[in-house]
């Protein structure tokens, strides 16, 4: 059984589209678990009315991504037969997948397991644009190298004609197949230190250190709504907005989880954290420069 855990909050249309994709999976044993963390836009009523086969769990708005995911995992643990091989699949609601998506993840697991299996992601508005295909992470010094941009020039066509699976040093939570065995061995996502952002990366690095390979299934494609991720991919934030984001739990640049990640996983601890902050500022500066250059050219 594949238990698909999806935390949601006030994005009813995205949730509807995502659930429609999961309803059409070719793999027969898929149970969707929606953890609605205090939505006020009618998401819960929509799920109950249109997707009665999905399990709906509710939070009060204070779970955020990490604990909402843990709530779904605990439910699956309670329901799953102890003598069967079962999996958690973490997925975000602002994604779309094809009908063979779960089957492709399982095929990669059968070939390389026991392991975690992540997904390739592309831009839903431009499926030829590759957004994620794995990372290489230097835990001694700083940060990660994005293989999608470095090796494949952000073009999915460059990727899909090669190996069917790639190794990675970390995995984001938007489409990761996790065997129960891994969760029982290393624990759940850390919701105390990584309340919203970076919990997925930290979990995958922890699993990797415990001896579980991290694979990316090239044929398991997630179409993500890039504009809905909250990431400043086009360099639109002002410097003030960027700096304030470093102190906001809602921001991918929030410093607190990055600090905890450095302490837990890097042998250089504080130096890694400082270099990580410098890398973020460098990335922001480059994005702003490109945005201004593009605007000037127009």
Protein backbone atom coordinates (compact mmCIF):
# COMPACT_ATOMS: atom_id res chain seq x y z
CA UNK A 1 0.00 0.00 0.00
CA UNK A 2 1.17 3.50 -0.85
CA UNK A 3 -0.07 6.11 1.63
CA UNK A 4 0.11 9.52 -0.06
CA UNK A 5 0.34 12.25 2.60
CA UNK A 6 -0.54 15.77 1.44
CA UNK A 7 -0.59 18.74 3.85
CA UNK A 8 -2.94 21.48 2.63
CA UNK A 9 -3.92 24.98 3.68
CA UNK A 10 -6.26 27.31 1.77
CA UNK A 11 -5.40 26.18 -1.76
CA UNK A 12 -8.60 24.42 -2.69
CA UNK A 13 -8.14 24.43 -6.45
CA UNK A 14 -4.60 23.10 -6.28
CA UNK A 15 -5.76 20.38 -3.88
CA UNK A 16 -8.62 19.40 -6.21
CA UNK A 17 -6.32 19.09 -9.23
CA UNK A 18 -3.74 17.08 -7.29
CA UNK A 19 -6.38 14.66 -6.02
CA UNK A 20 -7.79 14.21 -9.51
CA UNK A 21 -4.34 13.10 -10.65
CA UNK A 22 -4.01 10.60 -7.82
CA UNK A 23 -7.44 9.15 -8.48
CA UNK A 24 -6.28 7.96 -11.90
CA UNK A 25 -3.14 6.06 -10.84
CA UNK A 26 -2.44 2.73 -12.54
CA UNK A 27 -1.02 1.26 -9.32
CA UNK A 28 -4.07 -0.18 -7.54
CA UNK A 29 -3.09 0.24 -3.88
CA UNK A 30 -2.99 3.97 -3.23
CA UNK A 31 -4.57 5.63 -0.18
CA UNK A 32 -4.56 9.42 -0.13
CA UNK A 33 -4.38 11.17 3.24
CA UNK A 34 -5.18 14.89 3.24
CA UNK A 35 -4.08 16.80 6.34
CA UNK A 36 -6.02 20.07 6.22
CA UNK A 37 -4.30 22.44 8.62
CA UNK A 38 -7.05 24.93 9.39
CA UNK A 39 -8.17 25.93 5.89
CA UNK A 40 -10.94 28.53 5.72
CA UNK A 41 -11.63 28.33 1.97
CA UNK A 42 -13.80 25.21 2.03
CA UNK A 43 -11.02 22.75 1.24
CA UNK A 44 -12.32 20.22 3.77
CA UNK A 45 -15.88 20.30 2.40
CA UNK A 46 -14.57 19.94 -1.17
CA UNK A 47 -12.49 16.89 -0.26
CA UNK A 48 -15.39 15.23 1.55
CA UNK A 49 -17.85 15.91 -1.28
CA UNK A 50 -15.67 15.20 -4.33
CA UNK A 51 -13.10 12.70 -3.03
CA UNK A 52 -14.83 10.50 -0.45
CA UNK A 53 -12.18 7.82 -0.94
CA UNK A 54 -9.53 10.13 0.56
CA UNK A 55 -8.86 10.23 4.29
CA UNK A 56 -9.31 13.75 5.67
CA UNK A 57 -7.49 14.72 8.86
CA UNK A 58 -7.72 18.20 10.35
CA UNK A 59 -5.38 20.55 12.17
CA UNK A 60 -5.96 23.92 13.81
CA UNK A 61 -3.60 25.93 11.61
CA UNK A 62 -0.51 25.38 13.74
CA UNK A 63 0.82 22.15 12.26
CA UNK A 64 2.64 23.65 9.29
CA UNK A 65 4.13 21.30 6.67
CA UNK A 66 6.25 19.16 8.93
CA UNK A 67 3.88 18.20 11.71
CA UNK A 68 0.97 17.92 9.24
CA UNK A 69 3.06 15.35 7.36
CA UNK A 70 3.81 13.52 10.61
CA UNK A 71 0.10 13.42 11.46
CA UNK A 72 -0.57 11.68 8.15
CA UNK A 73 2.30 9.24 8.69
CA UNK A 74 1.08 8.29 12.17
CA UNK A 75 -2.38 7.61 10.73
CA UNK A 76 -0.84 5.32 8.10
CA UNK A 77 1.19 3.49 10.76
CA UNK A 78 -2.03 2.86 12.69
CA UNK A 79 -3.89 1.51 9.67
CA UNK A 80 -1.17 -0.47 7.91
CA UNK A 81 -0.85 -4.24 8.48
CA UNK A 82 2.40 -4.92 10.28
CA UNK A 83 3.33 -7.88 8.06
CA UNK A 84 3.14 -6.05 4.72
CA UNK A 85 5.57 -3.82 2.85
CA UNK A 86 4.11 -0.33 2.90
CA UNK A 87 5.26 3.13 1.88
CA UNK A 88 4.65 6.79 2.59
CA UNK A 89 4.63 9.12 -0.41
CA UNK A 90 4.99 12.77 0.55
CA UNK A 91 3.48 15.17 -1.97
CA UNK A 92 2.61 18.86 -2.11
CA UNK A 93 -0.81 20.04 -3.21
CA UNK A 94 0.57 22.42 -5.87
CA UNK A 95 1.73 19.51 -8.03
CA UNK A 96 0.30 17.36 -10.81
CA UNK A 97 1.36 13.84 -11.82
CA UNK A 98 0.62 11.38 -14.62
CA UNK A 99 -1.34 8.12 -14.24
CA UNK A 100 1.80 5.94 -14.01
CA UNK A 101 3.56 8.19 -11.51
CA UNK A 102 3.28 5.91 -8.46
CA UNK A 103 4.09 2.85 -10.58
CA UNK A 104 7.31 4.49 -11.81
CA UNK A 105 8.39 5.34 -8.25
CA UNK A 106 7.81 1.73 -7.22
CA UNK A 107 9.71 0.41 -10.24
CA UNK A 108 12.75 2.47 -9.21
CA UNK A 109 12.42 1.23 -5.63
CA UNK A 110 12.25 -2.41 -6.76
CA UNK A 111 15.47 -1.93 -8.70
CA UNK A 112 17.47 0.03 -6.11
CA UNK A 113 15.81 -0.51 -2.73
CA UNK A 114 15.81 -0.33 0.15
CA UNK A 115 16.10 3.38 -0.56
CA UNK A 116 14.16 6.63 -0.79
CA UNK A 117 12.88 7.51 -4.25
CA UNK A 118 12.39 11.12 -5.27
CA UNK A 119 10.80 12.61 -8.36
CA UNK A 120 11.98 14.69 -11.25
CA UNK A 121 10.09 17.98 -11.32
CA UNK A 122 9.26 20.22 -14.25
CA UNK A 123 7.46 23.54 -14.60
CA UNK A 124 3.73 22.91 -15.08
CA UNK A 125 3.55 25.93 -17.37
CA UNK A 126 6.50 24.66 -19.44
CA UNK A 127 6.96 20.88 -19.00
CA UNK A 128 10.15 20.94 -21.10
CA UNK A 129 11.81 23.03 -18.38
CA UNK A 130 13.54 20.84 -15.81
CA UNK A 131 13.33 22.20 -12.26
CA UNK A 132 14.83 19.34 -10.24
CA UNK A 133 16.85 16.21 -11.01
CA UNK A 134 18.87 15.72 -7.83
CA UNK A 135 21.62 17.51 -5.93
CA UNK A 136 25.17 17.15 -4.81
CA UNK A 137 25.70 18.49 -1.28
CA UNK A 138 28.98 19.57 0.28
CA UNK A 139 28.28 19.24 3.99
CA UNK A 140 31.78 20.30 5.01
CA UNK A 141 31.65 23.73 3.43
CA UNK A 142 28.44 24.95 1.92
CA UNK A 143 25.32 24.21 0.05
CA UNK A 144 24.20 22.09 -2.79
CA UNK A 145 24.79 21.84 -6.51
CA UNK A 146 21.60 21.65 -8.56
CA UNK A 147 22.07 18.89 -11.12
CA UNK A 148 19.10 20.08 -13.18
CA UNK A 149 20.86 23.30 -14.08
CA UNK A 150 24.48 22.11 -13.99
CA UNK A 151 24.27 18.86 -15.94
CA UNK A 152 21.09 19.20 -17.97
CA UNK A 153 20.79 22.96 -18.62
CA UNK A 154 17.24 22.77 -17.17
CA UNK A 155 16.04 20.74 -20.15
CA UNK A 156 14.04 17.58 -19.47
CA UNK A 157 14.82 16.19 -22.92
CA UNK A 158 18.51 16.06 -21.96
CA UNK A 159 17.63 13.93 -18.96
CA UNK A 160 14.99 11.45 -20.08
CA UNK A 161 17.11 9.65 -22.66
CA UNK A 162 19.73 8.63 -20.09
CA UNK A 163 19.56 6.35 -17.01
CA UNK A 164 16.12 5.74 -15.50
CA UNK A 165 17.35 6.66 -12.01
CA UNK A 166 19.93 9.07 -10.60
CA UNK A 167 21.62 9.23 -7.21
CA UNK A 168 21.18 12.36 -5.12
CA UNK A 169 22.54 13.67 -1.81
CA UNK A 170 19.19 15.12 -0.69
CA UNK A 171 15.53 15.02 -1.72
CA UNK A 172 12.78 17.65 -1.49
CA UNK A 173 9.38 16.58 -0.18
CA UNK A 174 7.40 17.13 -3.39
CA UNK A 175 7.17 13.49 -4.36
CA UNK A 176 9.31 11.18 -2.20
CA UNK A 177 8.56 7.48 -1.70
CA UNK A 178 9.65 6.38 1.78
CA UNK A 179 9.42 2.77 2.98
CA UNK A 180 8.01 2.34 6.47
CA UNK A 181 11.29 0.63 7.33
CA UNK A 182 13.18 3.92 7.01
CA UNK A 183 10.73 5.82 9.20
CA UNK A 184 10.82 3.13 11.89
CA UNK A 185 14.62 3.20 11.86
CA UNK A 186 15.41 6.95 11.82
CA UNK A 187 12.16 8.50 13.10
CA UNK A 188 9.69 10.97 11.61
CA UNK A 189 10.30 14.47 10.27
CA UNK A 190 11.71 16.86 12.88
CA UNK A 191 8.87 19.32 13.46
CA UNK A 192 10.52 21.02 16.44
CA UNK A 193 13.59 22.34 14.64
CA UNK A 194 12.26 22.32 11.07
CA UNK A 195 8.68 23.50 11.41
CA UNK A 196 7.98 24.22 7.75
CA UNK A 197 10.99 24.56 5.46
CA UNK A 198 14.00 22.21 5.23
CA UNK A 199 12.37 19.35 7.15
CA UNK A 200 12.31 17.31 3.94
CA UNK A 201 15.96 17.99 3.14
CA UNK A 202 17.05 17.25 6.71
CA UNK A 203 15.08 13.98 6.76
CA UNK A 204 16.59 12.78 3.48
CA UNK A 205 20.14 13.62 4.60
CA UNK A 206 19.49 11.78 7.86
CA UNK A 207 18.25 8.75 5.94
CA UNK A 208 21.28 8.88 3.66
CA UNK A 209 23.61 8.90 6.66
CA UNK A 210 21.75 5.87 8.02
CA UNK A 211 22.71 3.94 4.88
CA UNK A 212 19.67 4.38 2.65
CA UNK A 213 20.50 5.55 -0.90
CA UNK A 214 18.59 8.53 -2.28
CA UNK A 215 17.41 7.91 -5.83
CA UNK A 216 15.59 10.16 -8.30
CA UNK A 217 13.25 8.33 -10.67
CA UNK A 218 13.65 9.98 -14.08
CA UNK A 219 10.28 8.74 -15.35
CA UNK A 220 8.34 9.73 -12.20
CA UNK A 221 7.65 13.34 -13.13
CA UNK A 222 6.02 15.96 -10.92
CA UNK A 223 4.65 19.04 -12.66
CA UNK A 224 4.96 21.80 -10.10
CA UNK A 225 3.27 25.20 -10.15
CA UNK A 226 6.51 27.13 -9.78
CA UNK A 227 4.76 30.45 -9.18
CA UNK A 228 2.98 28.95 -6.15
CA UNK A 229 6.09 27.70 -4.35
CA UNK A 230 6.88 31.00 -2.64
CA UNK A 231 10.44 30.96 -4.00
CA UNK A 232 11.80 34.17 -5.49
CA UNK A 233 12.87 32.54 -8.74
CA UNK A 234 12.55 35.75 -10.78
CA UNK A 235 14.34 38.15 -8.45
CA UNK A 236 11.27 40.23 -7.64
CA UNK A 237 11.92 40.73 -3.92
CA UNK A 238 13.44 43.97 -2.68
CA UNK A 239 16.47 43.77 -0.41
CA UNK A 240 14.27 44.58 2.59
CA UNK A 241 11.82 41.82 1.70
CA UNK A 242 14.66 39.36 1.23
CA UNK A 243 16.20 40.17 4.62
CA UNK A 244 12.84 40.01 6.40
CA UNK A 245 12.29 36.59 4.84
CA UNK A 246 15.32 35.32 6.71
CA UNK A 247 13.39 35.77 9.95
CA UNK A 248 10.01 34.46 8.76
CA UNK A 249 8.87 30.86 9.15
CA UNK A 250 6.95 31.24 5.90
CA UNK A 251 10.12 31.88 3.91
CA UNK A 252 12.46 29.37 2.28
CA UNK A 253 15.36 31.55 3.43
CA UNK A 254 14.38 31.34 7.12
CA UNK A 255 17.64 31.20 9.05
CA UNK A 256 16.58 29.10 12.04
CA UNK A 257 16.24 25.73 10.26
CA UNK A 258 19.41 26.42 8.28
CA UNK A 259 21.28 26.98 11.53
CA UNK A 260 19.94 23.74 13.02
CA UNK A 261 20.79 21.86 9.81
CA UNK A 262 24.38 23.12 9.98
CA UNK A 263 24.73 22.05 13.62
CA UNK A 264 23.28 18.60 12.99
CA UNK A 265 24.79 17.61 9.67
CA UNK A 266 27.90 19.66 8.89
CA UNK A 267 31.27 18.91 10.54
CA UNK A 268 32.13 22.62 10.24
CA UNK A 269 28.90 23.74 11.99
CA UNK A 270 28.91 27.55 12.27
CA UNK A 271 31.23 28.02 9.29
CA UNK A 272 28.86 26.02 7.11
CA UNK A 273 25.96 28.18 8.29
CA UNK A 274 27.79 31.45 7.53
CA UNK A 275 28.80 30.22 4.10
CA UNK A 276 25.21 29.13 3.47
CA UNK A 277 23.98 32.65 4.29
CA UNK A 278 26.62 34.10 1.96
CA UNK A 279 25.46 31.73 -0.78
CA UNK A 280 21.86 32.91 -0.35
CA UNK A 281 22.89 36.56 -0.63
CA UNK A 282 24.94 35.78 -3.73
CA UNK A 283 22.00 33.99 -5.32
CA UNK A 284 19.69 36.88 -4.49
CA UNK A 285 22.12 39.39 -6.01
CA UNK A 286 22.43 37.38 -9.22
CA UNK A 287 18.65 37.04 -9.56
CA UNK A 288 18.15 40.78 -9.00
CA UNK A 289 20.83 41.62 -11.55
CA UNK A 290 19.26 39.33 -14.17
CA UNK A 291 15.80 40.75 -13.49
CA UNK A 292 17.01 44.34 -13.86
CA UNK A 293 19.01 43.50 -17.00
CA UNK A 294 15.97 41.84 -18.54
CA UNK A 295 13.76 44.80 -17.64
CA UNK A 296 16.28 47.26 -19.08
CA UNK A 297 16.48 45.24 -22.28
CA UNK A 298 12.71 45.32 -22.66
